[in-house]
Amino acid sequence: MGFTFGLCLVVAAIIIAIVIWTGYKRRQQAAPGGAASPATLAASPATARDPALRAKSMLDRLLTVQPGQTIVTAMDEYYLARGSTTLKELTQYGGSDQWTPTGREFILVETQGESNDNVAFAYLPSAEGGALQLYRMTAQNPAGWMQILAGTDDRPGPARNFADLDQRQDLQGAEMASIQFKALNTTWQMTDIGEAAYTARGAGFLSGQGEVRFAMAQEVGGAQRLFFVNFLRGDSSSMDGLFTGQEYRVDMLKDITLPAH
């Protein structure tokens, strides 16, 4: 009788331990709001490598990243992609009022880090007509920035002054340097303005499809870059966006995992 009772206690203890361990693993895999955390996604069997994905370069994989994938840096930082926006550059040829795609596409991927250190990975032009570069940026408050950059007819802002130069490629350094402004405790120099059609996926500052204007600037005497997006038309839940950061080497990206299922 005593042996049977003791055996029952051992079996019951084993069952309780299994239930507690299972509950712990489920809690560990769940992030706030029911979403998997970046670290959990990276470790999940659901992120087993896709041979077709592995064959692509890291930059190509970043440019086609989808919400739910995790970006892993060389420092073993994990960033869950929340929103991905493709900006298709538009221009007006030959004095036409019609906006036509140039064929260049810019990408901005908004992420959530393990410590809520949200980062945006942006593939943007280095200057007007310049080569595309990868930047690691953080979101800033865009309120009032359209007024700062555009100004008024009586007092045009830096973006309008830059447009008045016809964005010419033959401007000398002194002329370009004249288009400066101060904001965010930094002196900036205008480097690019434009218009783009966008397609947004996931939960970002832009939703669905539409059109935007954008402006870029570079820190005078420094490495900081500024990227402002002015929402024009499209999904009603879209809004302006403002991001600042520095150039980021592609080889600092270690991996991009598949989304968990």
Protein backbone atom coordinates (compact mmCIF):
# COMPACT_ATOMS: atom_id res chain seq x y z
CA MET A 1 0.00 0.00 0.00
CA GLY A 2 2.78 2.44 0.91
CA PHE A 3 4.72 1.53 -2.24
CA THR A 4 1.66 2.13 -4.45
CA PHE A 5 0.95 5.48 -2.81
CA GLY A 6 4.58 6.55 -3.23
CA LEU A 7 4.55 5.54 -6.91
CA CYS A 8 1.41 7.62 -7.46
CA LEU A 9 3.13 10.63 -5.92
CA VAL A 10 6.13 10.23 -8.23
CA VAL A 11 3.89 9.96 -11.33
CA ALA A 12 1.87 13.01 -10.24
CA ALA A 13 5.07 15.04 -9.72
CA ILE A 14 6.29 14.12 -13.20
CA ILE A 15 2.98 15.20 -14.79
CA ILE A 16 3.01 18.53 -12.91
CA ALA A 17 6.59 19.18 -13.98
CA ILE A 18 5.69 18.55 -17.64
CA VAL A 19 2.70 20.93 -17.43
CA ILE A 20 4.82 23.68 -15.82
CA TRP A 21 7.63 23.27 -18.38
CA THR A 22 5.17 23.36 -21.33
CA GLY A 23 3.55 26.52 -20.00
CA TYR A 24 6.94 28.15 -19.50
CA LYS A 25 8.01 27.41 -23.09
CA ARG A 26 4.77 28.83 -24.44
CA ARG A 27 5.20 32.04 -22.41
CA GLN A 28 8.83 32.28 -23.51
CA GLN A 29 7.82 32.10 -27.19
CA ALA A 30 5.10 34.73 -26.91
CA ALA A 31 5.97 38.42 -27.21
CA PRO A 32 3.71 41.32 -26.11
CA GLY A 33 0.57 41.46 -28.22
CA GLY A 34 0.82 37.77 -29.10
CA ALA A 35 3.67 38.20 -31.62
CA ALA A 36 6.84 36.16 -31.51
CA SER A 37 9.90 38.02 -30.27
CA PRO A 38 12.87 38.57 -32.63
CA ALA A 39 15.07 36.17 -30.64
CA THR A 40 12.38 33.47 -30.60
CA LEU A 41 11.86 33.81 -34.33
CA ALA A 42 15.56 33.31 -34.96
CA ALA A 43 15.61 30.14 -32.88
CA SER A 44 12.30 28.67 -34.10
CA PRO A 45 12.36 25.52 -36.29
CA ALA A 46 9.97 27.44 -38.58
CA THR A 47 12.89 29.61 -39.63
CA ALA A 48 14.73 26.74 -41.28
CA ARG A 49 16.69 28.06 -44.23
CA ASP A 50 15.09 28.20 -47.67
CA PRO A 51 17.72 27.23 -50.31
CA ALA A 52 16.35 29.83 -52.76
CA LEU A 53 16.61 32.51 -50.06
CA ARG A 54 20.16 31.53 -49.12
CA ALA A 55 21.27 31.86 -52.76
CA LYS A 56 20.48 35.58 -52.74
CA SER A 57 22.91 38.22 -51.53
CA MET A 58 22.22 39.75 -48.14
CA LEU A 59 21.29 43.06 -49.78
CA ASP A 60 18.81 41.37 -52.13
CA ARG A 61 17.28 39.57 -49.17
CA LEU A 62 16.92 42.84 -47.27
CA LEU A 63 15.30 44.57 -50.25
CA THR A 64 12.64 41.87 -50.43
CA VAL A 65 12.14 41.39 -46.69
CA GLN A 66 8.57 40.86 -45.54
CA PRO A 67 6.91 41.77 -42.22
CA GLY A 68 7.41 38.87 -39.82
CA GLN A 69 10.96 38.13 -40.87
CA THR A 70 13.84 38.78 -38.47
CA ILE A 71 16.96 40.73 -39.40
CA VAL A 72 20.07 39.57 -37.53
CA THR A 73 23.15 41.81 -37.43
CA ALA A 74 26.78 40.82 -37.07
CA MET A 75 26.52 41.91 -33.43
CA ASP A 76 23.78 39.30 -32.92
CA GLU A 77 21.09 41.95 -32.60
CA TYR A 78 17.63 40.72 -33.62
CA TYR A 79 15.11 43.04 -35.30
CA LEU A 80 11.62 41.90 -36.22
CA ALA A 81 10.41 43.52 -39.46
CA ARG A 82 7.10 45.27 -38.74
CA GLY A 83 6.66 47.27 -41.95
CA SER A 84 8.35 47.43 -45.34
CA THR A 85 7.88 50.29 -47.82
CA THR A 86 9.02 50.43 -51.44
CA LEU A 87 9.35 53.93 -52.92
CA LYS A 88 9.38 54.09 -56.73
CA GLU A 89 11.03 57.37 -57.75
CA LEU A 90 9.05 59.61 -60.11
CA THR A 91 10.14 62.52 -62.28
CA GLN A 92 8.79 64.94 -64.91
CA TYR A 93 10.56 64.69 -68.27
CA GLY A 94 10.84 67.50 -70.81
CA GLY A 95 8.73 70.00 -68.93
CA SER A 96 5.77 67.61 -68.80
CA ASP A 97 3.32 67.78 -65.90
CA GLN A 98 3.07 63.99 -65.87
CA TRP A 99 5.03 62.06 -63.26
CA THR A 100 6.91 59.11 -64.77
CA PRO A 101 8.85 56.34 -62.96
CA THR A 102 12.64 56.65 -63.27
CA GLY A 103 13.15 52.95 -62.60
CA ARG A 104 14.91 53.54 -59.27
CA GLU A 105 13.40 52.03 -56.14
CA PHE A 106 14.16 52.88 -52.51
CA ILE A 107 13.37 50.59 -49.57
CA LEU A 108 12.64 51.39 -45.92
CA VAL A 109 12.14 48.53 -43.43
CA GLU A 110 10.81 49.43 -39.99
CA THR A 111 11.67 46.98 -37.21
CA GLN A 112 11.24 46.25 -33.52
CA GLY A 113 14.32 45.25 -31.56
CA GLU A 114 14.59 42.94 -28.57
CA SER A 115 14.80 45.91 -26.20
CA ASN A 116 12.20 47.97 -28.12
CA ASP A 117 15.11 49.80 -29.79
CA ASN A 118 13.24 50.25 -33.06
CA VAL A 119 15.47 50.62 -36.10
CA ALA A 120 14.75 51.39 -39.76
CA PHE A 121 16.99 49.91 -42.44
CA ALA A 122 16.80 52.26 -45.45
CA TYR A 123 18.25 51.89 -48.95
CA LEU A 124 18.36 55.48 -50.21
CA PRO A 125 20.28 57.72 -52.64
CA SER A 126 23.48 59.22 -51.25
CA ALA A 127 22.67 62.50 -53.06
CA GLU A 128 20.61 63.84 -55.95
CA GLY A 129 21.02 61.19 -58.65
CA GLY A 130 23.63 59.47 -56.48
CA ALA A 131 24.27 55.80 -55.82
CA LEU A 132 21.93 53.98 -53.46
CA GLN A 133 23.34 53.33 -49.98
CA LEU A 134 22.17 51.37 -46.97
CA TYR A 135 21.43 53.39 -43.82
CA ARG A 136 20.50 52.39 -40.30
CA MET A 137 18.08 55.00 -38.96
CA THR A 138 15.69 55.76 -36.13
CA ALA A 139 12.28 57.42 -36.39
CA GLN A 140 11.81 61.02 -35.25
CA ASN A 141 8.67 63.08 -34.76
CA PRO A 142 7.69 64.40 -38.24
CA ALA A 143 5.24 67.02 -36.95
CA GLY A 144 5.88 70.44 -38.49
CA TRP A 145 8.62 69.25 -40.81
CA MET A 146 6.75 70.03 -44.01
CA GLN A 147 6.61 73.68 -42.89
CA ILE A 148 10.31 73.64 -41.94
CA LEU A 149 11.44 72.30 -45.32
CA ALA A 150 8.95 73.97 -47.66
CA GLY A 151 8.54 77.32 -45.91
CA THR A 152 6.27 79.89 -47.56
CA ASP A 153 6.24 81.93 -50.75
CA ASP A 154 7.69 84.89 -48.83
CA ARG A 155 10.21 82.84 -46.90
CA PRO A 156 10.95 79.62 -48.81
CA GLY A 157 12.47 76.76 -46.85
CA PRO A 158 15.54 74.70 -47.76
CA ALA A 159 13.65 72.15 -49.86
CA ARG A 160 12.04 74.88 -51.96
CA ASN A 161 15.37 76.67 -52.34
CA PHE A 162 16.94 73.38 -53.41
CA ALA A 163 14.19 72.92 -56.02
CA ASP A 164 14.80 76.44 -57.33
CA LEU A 165 18.36 75.38 -58.19
CA ASP A 166 16.76 72.85 -60.60
CA GLN A 167 18.74 70.17 -58.73
CA ARG A 168 21.56 70.75 -61.24
CA GLN A 169 24.51 68.39 -61.25
CA ASP A 170 27.04 71.15 -62.13
CA LEU A 171 26.61 73.26 -59.01
CA GLN A 172 29.78 74.17 -57.17
CA GLY A 173 30.35 73.31 -53.52
CA ALA A 174 29.68 76.83 -52.27
CA GLU A 175 26.31 76.92 -54.03
CA MET A 176 25.27 73.57 -52.61
CA ALA A 177 26.52 74.52 -49.15
CA SER A 178 24.22 77.55 -49.18
CA ILE A 179 21.16 75.30 -48.87
CA GLN A 180 21.53 74.62 -45.16
CA PHE A 181 19.22 74.68 -42.18
CA LYS A 182 19.34 73.91 -38.47
CA ALA A 183 17.12 71.34 -36.76
CA LEU A 184 17.44 68.55 -34.17
CA ASN A 185 20.50 70.35 -32.74
CA THR A 186 22.30 69.79 -36.05
CA THR A 187 23.17 71.85 -39.14
CA TRP A 188 21.98 70.04 -42.28
CA GLN A 189 22.72 70.46 -45.98
CA MET A 190 20.09 69.55 -48.54
CA THR A 191 21.11 66.66 -50.80
CA ASP A 192 17.94 65.49 -52.56
CA ILE A 193 14.22 66.06 -53.04
CA GLY A 194 11.72 64.15 -55.11
CA GLU A 195 8.39 62.40 -55.50
CA ALA A 196 7.64 58.69 -55.39
CA ALA A 197 4.87 56.14 -55.67
CA TYR A 198 4.86 53.82 -52.68
CA THR A 199 3.72 50.33 -51.77
CA ALA A 200 3.67 49.53 -48.06
CA ARG A 201 3.32 46.19 -46.29
CA GLY A 202 2.74 45.48 -42.61
CA ALA A 203 2.49 48.07 -39.83
CA GLY A 204 4.54 51.09 -40.88
CA PHE A 205 4.00 54.85 -41.14
CA LEU A 206 2.66 54.31 -44.67
CA SER A 207 -0.14 51.89 -45.55
CA GLY A 208 -1.36 50.41 -48.81
CA GLN A 209 -0.40 52.36 -51.92
CA GLY A 210 -0.14 56.03 -52.85
CA GLU A 211 2.27 58.88 -53.52
CA VAL A 212 4.68 60.86 -51.36
CA ARG A 213 7.24 63.65 -51.59
CA PHE A 214 10.60 63.15 -49.94
CA ALA A 215 13.63 65.21 -48.94
CA MET A 216 17.11 64.19 -47.83
CA ALA A 217 19.85 66.09 -46.05
CA GLN A 218 23.33 65.42 -44.68
CA GLU A 219 24.89 66.68 -41.48
CA VAL A 220 27.40 69.45 -42.19
CA GLY A 221 30.79 68.16 -41.09
CA GLY A 222 29.34 64.86 -39.90
CA ALA A 223 27.98 61.48 -40.96
CA GLN A 224 24.31 61.85 -40.02
CA ARG A 225 21.63 61.63 -42.71
CA LEU A 226 18.04 62.86 -42.59
CA PHE A 227 15.14 61.44 -44.60
CA PHE A 228 11.70 63.10 -44.55
CA VAL A 229 8.61 61.67 -46.24
CA ASN A 230 5.55 63.86 -46.85
CA PHE A 231 2.41 61.78 -47.45
CA LEU A 232 0.37 63.08 -50.41
CA ARG A 233 -2.35 60.57 -51.30
CA GLY A 234 -3.30 56.96 -50.68
CA ASP A 235 -4.41 54.99 -47.62
CA SER A 236 -6.06 57.26 -45.06
CA SER A 237 -4.11 55.65 -42.20
CA SER A 238 -0.78 56.80 -43.70
CA MET A 239 1.20 59.70 -42.25
CA ASP A 240 4.44 61.64 -42.69
CA GLY A 241 7.72 60.03 -41.63
CA LEU A 242 11.08 61.38 -40.43
CA PHE A 243 14.22 59.28 -39.96
CA THR A 244 17.82 60.06 -39.05
CA GLY A 245 20.87 57.82 -39.00
CA GLN A 246 24.15 56.87 -40.61
CA GLU A 247 25.40 54.76 -43.48
CA TYR A 248 25.44 51.06 -42.60
CA ARG A 249 27.63 48.41 -44.22
CA VAL A 250 25.80 45.48 -45.78
CA ASP A 251 28.36 43.09 -44.30
CA MET A 252 27.09 44.12 -40.86
CA LEU A 253 23.97 42.07 -41.64
CA LYS A 254 24.41 38.46 -40.57
CA ASP A 255 21.14 36.78 -41.49
CA ILE A 256 17.48 37.30 -42.40
CA THR A 257 15.26 34.48 -41.15
CA LEU A 258 11.99 33.19 -42.51
CA PRO A 259 8.86 34.16 -40.57
CA ALA A 260 7.57 31.71 -37.96
CA HIS A 261 4.37 29.79 -38.76
